[in-house]
């Protein structure tokens, strides 16, 4: 049916398992950057919301990019 060996299946499983981790890490990184910039510059909550949205966008972009490798 498929012409991939067991090594290829393990690679694909590894990529699939990392999808959630990649998304969460991008959102967390964006949120933390925004939070600390807000504290430093006193612009609460605007930079948090901006970097949170950027983190979500980056996470979605990278999840789709990784999913295309499957």
PDB file of N, CA and C in Angstrom:
ATOM      1  N   UNK A   1       0.828  -1.179   0.000  1.00  0.00           N
ATOM      2  CA  UNK A   1       0.000   0.000   0.000  1.00  0.00           C
ATOM      3  C   UNK A   1       0.875   1.246   0.000  1.00  0.00           C
ATOM      4  N   UNK A   2       1.622   1.512   1.098  1.00  0.00           N
ATOM      5  CA  UNK A   2       2.555   2.634   1.144  1.00  0.00           C
ATOM      6  C   UNK A   2       3.955   2.101   0.899  1.00  0.00           C
ATOM      7  N   UNK A   3       4.780   2.929   0.319  1.00  0.00           N
ATOM      8  CA  UNK A   3       6.138   2.494   0.028  1.00  0.00           C
ATOM      9  C   UNK A   3       7.143   3.060   1.016  1.00  0.00           C
ATOM     10  N   UNK A   4       6.686   3.494   2.161  1.00  0.00           N
ATOM     11  CA  UNK A   4       7.612   4.013   3.170  1.00  0.00           C
ATOM     12  C   UNK A   4       7.908   2.923   4.192  1.00  0.00           C
ATOM     13  N   UNK A   5       9.119   2.958   4.687  1.00  0.00           N
ATOM     14  CA  UNK A   5       9.522   1.970   5.673  1.00  0.00           C
ATOM     15  C   UNK A   5       9.137   2.408   7.065  1.00  0.00           C
ATOM     16  N   UNK A   6       9.487   1.599   8.055  1.00  0.00           N
ATOM     17  CA  UNK A   6       9.147   1.952   9.438  1.00  0.00           C
ATOM     18  C   UNK A   6       9.857   3.206   9.916  1.00  0.00           C
ATOM     19  N   UNK A   7      11.041   3.489   9.389  1.00  0.00           N
ATOM     20  CA  UNK A   7      11.755   4.705   9.785  1.00  0.00           C
ATOM     21  C   UNK A   7      11.022   5.961   9.348  1.00  0.00           C
ATOM     22  N   UNK A   8      10.432   5.925   8.172  1.00  0.00           N
ATOM     23  CA  UNK A   8       9.662   7.069   7.660  1.00  0.00           C
ATOM     24  C   UNK A   8       8.414   7.284   8.503  1.00  0.00           C
ATOM     25  N   UNK A   9       7.773   6.215   8.928  1.00  0.00           N
ATOM     26  CA  UNK A   9       6.580   6.321   9.768  1.00  0.00           C
ATOM     27  C   UNK A   9       6.921   6.954  11.113  1.00  0.00           C
ATOM     28  N   UNK A  10       8.047   6.595  11.676  1.00  0.00           N
ATOM     29  CA  UNK A  10       8.468   7.158  12.964  1.00  0.00           C
ATOM     30  C   UNK A  10       8.758   8.650  12.803  1.00  0.00           C
ATOM     31  N   UNK A  11       9.387   9.042  11.695  1.00  0.00           N
ATOM     32  CA  UNK A  11       9.649  10.468  11.444  1.00  0.00           C
ATOM     33  C   UNK A  11       8.350  11.251  11.358  1.00  0.00           C
ATOM     34  N   UNK A  12       7.383  10.717  10.628  1.00  0.00           N
ATOM     35  CA  UNK A  12       6.095  11.405  10.483  1.00  0.00           C
ATOM     36  C   UNK A  12       5.368  11.503  11.818  1.00  0.00           C
ATOM     37  N   UNK A  13       5.455  10.458  12.627  1.00  0.00           N
ATOM     38  CA  UNK A  13       4.833  10.499  13.949  1.00  0.00           C
ATOM     39  C   UNK A  13       5.498  11.561  14.817  1.00  0.00           C
ATOM     40  N   UNK A  14       6.807  11.694  14.717  1.00  0.00           N
ATOM     41  CA  UNK A  14       7.527  12.713  15.477  1.00  0.00           C
ATOM     42  C   UNK A  14       7.111  14.117  15.085  1.00  0.00           C
ATOM     43  N   UNK A  15       6.950  14.350  13.787  1.00  0.00           N
ATOM     44  CA  UNK A  15       6.499  15.668  13.317  1.00  0.00           C
ATOM     45  C   UNK A  15       5.079  15.928  13.797  1.00  0.00           C
ATOM     46  N   UNK A  16       4.210  14.936  13.704  1.00  0.00           N
ATOM     47  CA  UNK A  16       2.822  15.106  14.142  1.00  0.00           C
ATOM     48  C   UNK A  16       2.743  15.357  15.645  1.00  0.00           C
ATOM     49  N   UNK A  17       3.592  14.711  16.412  1.00  0.00           N
ATOM     50  CA  UNK A  17       3.563  14.888  17.863  1.00  0.00           C
ATOM     51  C   UNK A  17       4.053  16.270  18.273  1.00  0.00           C
ATOM     52  N   UNK A  18       4.861  16.892  17.452  1.00  0.00           N
ATOM     53  CA  UNK A  18       5.401  18.200  17.812  1.00  0.00           C
ATOM     54  C   UNK A  18       4.483  19.360  17.415  1.00  0.00           C
ATOM     55  N   UNK A  19       3.407  19.108  16.713  1.00  0.00           N
ATOM     56  CA  UNK A  19       2.535  20.196  16.245  1.00  0.00           C
ATOM     57  C   UNK A  19       1.950  21.002  17.403  1.00  0.00           C
ATOM     58  N   UNK A  20       1.431  20.334  18.407  1.00  0.00           N
ATOM     59  CA  UNK A  20       0.849  21.041  19.549  1.00  0.00           C
ATOM     60  C   UNK A  20       1.884  21.809  20.339  1.00  0.00           C
ATOM     61  N   UNK A  21       3.052  21.222  20.497  1.00  0.00           N
ATOM     62  CA  UNK A  21       4.128  21.881  21.235  1.00  0.00           C
ATOM     63  C   UNK A  21       4.578  23.151  20.528  1.00  0.00           C
ATOM     64  N   UNK A  22       4.676  23.089  19.213  1.00  0.00           N
ATOM     65  CA  UNK A  22       5.091  24.257  18.435  1.00  0.00           C
ATOM     66  C   UNK A  22       4.076  25.387  18.599  1.00  0.00           C
ATOM     67  N   UNK A  23       2.795  25.060  18.487  1.00  0.00           N
ATOM     68  CA  UNK A  23       1.770  26.097  18.597  1.00  0.00           C
ATOM     69  C   UNK A  23       1.774  26.742  19.981  1.00  0.00           C
ATOM     70  N   UNK A  24       1.807  25.930  21.010  1.00  0.00           N
ATOM     71  CA  UNK A  24       1.781  26.450  22.380  1.00  0.00           C
ATOM     72  C   UNK A  24       3.021  27.293  22.666  1.00  0.00           C
ATOM     73  N   UNK A  25       4.169  26.880  22.171  1.00  0.00           N
ATOM     74  CA  UNK A  25       5.392  27.634  22.439  1.00  0.00           C
ATOM     75  C   UNK A  25       5.375  28.998  21.750  1.00  0.00           C
ATOM     76  N   UNK A  26       4.831  29.088  20.548  1.00  0.00           N
ATOM     77  CA  UNK A  26       4.737  30.380  19.878  1.00  0.00           C
ATOM     78  C   UNK A  26       3.793  31.318  20.612  1.00  0.00           C
ATOM     79  N   UNK A  27       2.649  30.807  21.041  1.00  0.00           N
ATOM     80  CA  UNK A  27       1.689  31.640  21.769  1.00  0.00           C
ATOM     81  C   UNK A  27       2.275  32.072  23.109  1.00  0.00           C
ATOM     82  N   UNK A  28       2.950  31.169  23.811  1.00  0.00           N
ATOM     83  CA  UNK A  28       3.551  31.509  25.102  1.00  0.00           C
ATOM     84  C   UNK A  28       4.662  32.536  24.940  1.00  0.00           C
ATOM     85  N   UNK A  29       5.495  32.375  23.923  1.00  0.00           N
ATOM     86  CA  UNK A  29       6.582  33.330  23.702  1.00  0.00           C
ATOM     87  C   UNK A  29       6.033  34.713  23.373  1.00  0.00           C
ATOM     88  N   UNK A  30       5.033  34.780  22.512  1.00  0.00           N
ATOM     89  CA  UNK A  30       4.428  36.071  22.180  1.00  0.00           C
ATOM     90  C   UNK A  30       3.784  36.719  23.387  1.00  0.00           C
ATOM     91  N   UNK A  31       3.106  35.918  24.193  1.00  0.00           N
ATOM     92  CA  UNK A  31       2.452  36.452  25.384  1.00  0.00           C
ATOM     93  C   UNK A  31       3.466  36.991  26.387  1.00  0.00           C
ATOM     94  N   UNK A  32       4.533  36.252  26.607  1.00  0.00           N
ATOM     95  CA  UNK A  32       5.552  36.701  27.563  1.00  0.00           C
ATOM     96  C   UNK A  32       6.254  37.970  27.090  1.00  0.00           C
ATOM     97  N   UNK A  33       6.581  38.033  25.818  1.00  0.00           N
ATOM     98  CA  UNK A  33       7.218  39.247  25.282  1.00  0.00           C
ATOM     99  C   UNK A  33       6.291  40.439  25.459  1.00  0.00           C
ATOM    100  N   UNK A  34       5.025  40.272  25.100  1.00  0.00           N
ATOM    101  CA  UNK A  34       4.065  41.365  25.255  1.00  0.00           C
ATOM    102  C   UNK A  34       3.863  41.769  26.699  1.00  0.00           C
ATOM    103  N   UNK A  35       3.795  40.804  27.583  1.00  0.00           N
ATOM    104  CA  UNK A  35       3.598  41.089  29.001  1.00  0.00           C
ATOM    105  C   UNK A  35       4.754  41.911  29.568  1.00  0.00           C
ATOM    106  N   UNK A  36       5.977  41.471  29.295  1.00  0.00           N
ATOM    107  CA  UNK A  36       7.123  42.182  29.853  1.00  0.00           C
ATOM    108  C   UNK A  36       7.342  43.541  29.195  1.00  0.00           C
ATOM    109  N   UNK A  37       7.027  43.671  27.911  1.00  0.00           N
ATOM    110  CA  UNK A  37       7.101  44.997  27.278  1.00  0.00           C
ATOM    111  C   UNK A  37       6.051  45.936  27.865  1.00  0.00           C
ATOM    112  N   UNK A  38       4.864  45.407  28.150  1.00  0.00           N
ATOM    113  CA  UNK A  38       3.825  46.221  28.789  1.00  0.00           C
ATOM    114  C   UNK A  38       4.258  46.698  30.166  1.00  0.00           C
ATOM    115  N   UNK A  39       4.849  45.801  30.947  1.00  0.00           N
ATOM    116  CA  UNK A  39       5.321  46.204  32.278  1.00  0.00           C
ATOM    117  C   UNK A  39       6.412  47.262  32.168  1.00  0.00           C
ATOM    118  N   UNK A  40       7.324  47.097  31.218  1.00  0.00           N
ATOM    119  CA  UNK A  40       8.454  48.002  31.066  1.00  0.00           C
ATOM    120  C   UNK A  40       8.024  49.366  30.532  1.00  0.00           C
ATOM    121  N   UNK A  41       7.111  49.378  29.545  1.00  0.00           N
ATOM    122  CA  UNK A  41       6.714  50.629  28.909  1.00  0.00           C
ATOM    123  C   UNK A  41       5.421  51.218  29.472  1.00  0.00           C
ATOM    124  N   UNK A  42       4.705  50.473  30.291  1.00  0.00           N
ATOM    125  CA  UNK A  42       3.469  50.962  30.892  1.00  0.00           C
ATOM    126  C   UNK A  42       2.329  51.108  29.897  1.00  0.00           C
ATOM    127  N   UNK A  43       2.252  50.222  28.929  1.00  0.00           N
ATOM    128  CA  UNK A  43       1.228  50.319  27.887  1.00  0.00           C
ATOM    129  C   UNK A  43       0.158  49.249  28.010  1.00  0.00           C
ATOM    130  N   UNK A  44      -0.030  48.722  29.206  1.00  0.00           N
ATOM    131  CA  UNK A  44      -0.927  47.591  29.417  1.00  0.00           C
ATOM    132  C   UNK A  44      -2.329  47.882  28.901  1.00  0.00           C
ATOM    133  N   UNK A  45      -2.978  46.990  28.252  1.00  0.00           N
ATOM    134  CA  UNK A  45      -2.683  45.628  27.809  1.00  0.00           C
ATOM    135  C   UNK A  45      -2.331  45.554  26.324  1.00  0.00           C
ATOM    136  N   UNK A  46      -2.013  46.658  25.698  1.00  0.00           N
ATOM    137  CA  UNK A  46      -1.939  46.698  24.238  1.00  0.00           C
ATOM    138  C   UNK A  46      -0.807  45.872  23.636  1.00  0.00           C
ATOM    139  N   UNK A  47       0.365  45.952  24.183  1.00  0.00           N
ATOM    140  CA  UNK A  47       1.463  45.154  23.619  1.00  0.00           C
ATOM    141  C   UNK A  47       1.274  43.678  23.893  1.00  0.00           C
ATOM    142  N   UNK A  48       0.678  43.343  25.037  1.00  0.00           N
ATOM    143  CA  UNK A  48       0.357  41.943  25.314  1.00  0.00           C
ATOM    144  C   UNK A  48      -0.582  41.402  24.247  1.00  0.00           C
ATOM    145  N   UNK A  49      -1.642  42.151  23.964  1.00  0.00           N
ATOM    146  CA  UNK A  49      -2.607  41.693  22.958  1.00  0.00           C
ATOM    147  C   UNK A  49      -1.973  41.608  21.572  1.00  0.00           C
ATOM    148  N   UNK A  50      -1.131  42.567  21.228  1.00  0.00           N
ATOM    149  CA  UNK A  50      -0.468  42.555  19.933  1.00  0.00           C
ATOM    150  C   UNK A  50       0.447  41.343  19.786  1.00  0.00           C
ATOM    151  N   UNK A  51       1.296  41.108  20.775  1.00  0.00           N
ATOM    152  CA  UNK A  51       2.230  39.988  20.676  1.00  0.00           C
ATOM    153  C   UNK A  51       1.535  38.641  20.856  1.00  0.00           C
ATOM    154  N   UNK A  52       0.430  38.613  21.588  1.00  0.00           N
ATOM    155  CA  UNK A  52      -0.379  37.402  21.686  1.00  0.00           C
ATOM    156  C   UNK A  52      -0.920  37.033  20.310  1.00  0.00           C
ATOM    157  N   UNK A  53      -1.440  38.029  19.593  1.00  0.00           N
ATOM    158  CA  UNK A  53      -1.959  37.791  18.241  1.00  0.00           C
ATOM    159  C   UNK A  53      -0.836  37.382  17.290  1.00  0.00           C
ATOM    160  N   UNK A  54       0.318  38.012  17.410  1.00  0.00           N
ATOM    161  CA  UNK A  54       1.460  37.634  16.574  1.00  0.00           C
ATOM    162  C   UNK A  54       1.881  36.198  16.877  1.00  0.00           C
ATOM    163  N   UNK A  55       1.865  35.815  18.146  1.00  0.00           N
ATOM    164  CA  UNK A  55       2.201  34.445  18.530  1.00  0.00           C
ATOM    165  C   UNK A  55       1.217  33.435  17.957  1.00  0.00           C
ATOM    166  N   UNK A  56      -0.063  33.761  17.986  1.00  0.00           N
ATOM    167  CA  UNK A  56      -1.062  32.871  17.401  1.00  0.00           C
ATOM    168  C   UNK A  56      -0.841  32.744  15.895  1.00  0.00           C
ATOM    169  N   UNK A  57      -0.601  33.873  15.234  1.00  0.00           N
ATOM    170  CA  UNK A  57      -0.364  33.836  13.792  1.00  0.00           C
ATOM    171  C   UNK A  57       0.876  33.035  13.434  1.00  0.00           C
ATOM    172  N   UNK A  58       1.948  33.250  14.174  1.00  0.00           N
ATOM    173  CA  UNK A  58       3.169  32.489  13.923  1.00  0.00           C
ATOM    174  C   UNK A  58       2.998  31.011  14.209  1.00  0.00           C
ATOM    175  N   UNK A  59       2.260  30.704  15.262  1.00  0.00           N
ATOM    176  CA  UNK A  59       2.004  29.305  15.593  1.00  0.00           C
ATOM    177  C   UNK A  59       1.197  28.603  14.518  1.00  0.00           C
ATOM    178  N   UNK A  60       0.153  29.264  14.043  1.00  0.00           N
ATOM    179  CA  UNK A  60      -0.670  28.674  12.979  1.00  0.00           C
ATOM    180  C   UNK A  60       0.153  28.487  11.710  1.00  0.00           C
ATOM    181  N   UNK A  61       0.956  29.488  11.368  1.00  0.00           N
ATOM    182  CA  UNK A  61       1.795  29.394  10.174  1.00  0.00           C
ATOM    183  C   UNK A  61       2.747  28.200  10.259  1.00  0.00           C
ATOM    184  N   UNK A  62       3.406  28.047  11.379  1.00  0.00           N
ATOM    185  CA  UNK A  62       4.368  26.952  11.524  1.00  0.00           C
ATOM    186  C   UNK A  62       3.699  25.588  11.648  1.00  0.00           C
ATOM    187  N   UNK A  63       2.522  25.517  12.230  1.00  0.00           N
ATOM    188  CA  UNK A  63       1.806  24.246  12.286  1.00  0.00           C
ATOM    189  C   UNK A  63       1.427  23.815  10.871  1.00  0.00           C
ATOM    190  N   UNK A  64       0.954  24.744  10.048  1.00  0.00           N
ATOM    191  CA  UNK A  64       0.626  24.390   8.671  1.00  0.00           C
ATOM    192  C   UNK A  64       1.870  23.995   7.886  1.00  0.00           C
ATOM    193  N   UNK A  65       2.976  24.678   8.143  1.00  0.00           N
ATOM    194  CA  UNK A  65       4.224  24.354   7.461  1.00  0.00           C
ATOM    195  C   UNK A  65       4.706  22.952   7.844  1.00  0.00           C
ATOM    196  N   UNK A  66       4.616  22.616   9.139  1.00  0.00           N
ATOM    197  CA  UNK A  66       5.003  21.270   9.569  1.00  0.00           C
ATOM    198  C   UNK A  66       4.018  20.206   9.068  1.00  0.00           C
ATOM    199  N   UNK A  67       2.739  20.543   9.061  1.00  0.00           N
ATOM    200  CA  UNK A  67       1.735  19.577   8.607  1.00  0.00           C
ATOM    201  C   UNK A  67       1.904  19.279   7.118  1.00  0.00           C
ATOM    202  N   UNK A  68       2.401  20.220   6.352  1.00  0.00           N
ATOM    203  CA  UNK A  68       2.632  19.987   4.930  1.00  0.00           C
ATOM    204  C   UNK A  68       3.723  18.952   4.717  1.00  0.00           C
ATOM    205  N   UNK A  69       4.627  18.793   5.681  1.00  0.00           N
ATOM    206  CA  UNK A  69       5.685  17.784   5.577  1.00  0.00           C
ATOM    207  C   UNK A  69       5.145  16.382   5.773  1.00  0.00           C
ATOM    208  N   UNK A  70       3.962  16.270   6.350  1.00  0.00           N
ATOM    209  CA  UNK A  70       3.370  14.946   6.563  1.00  0.00           C
ATOM    210  C   UNK A  70       2.812  14.448   5.247  1.00  0.00           C
TER     211      UNK A  70
END
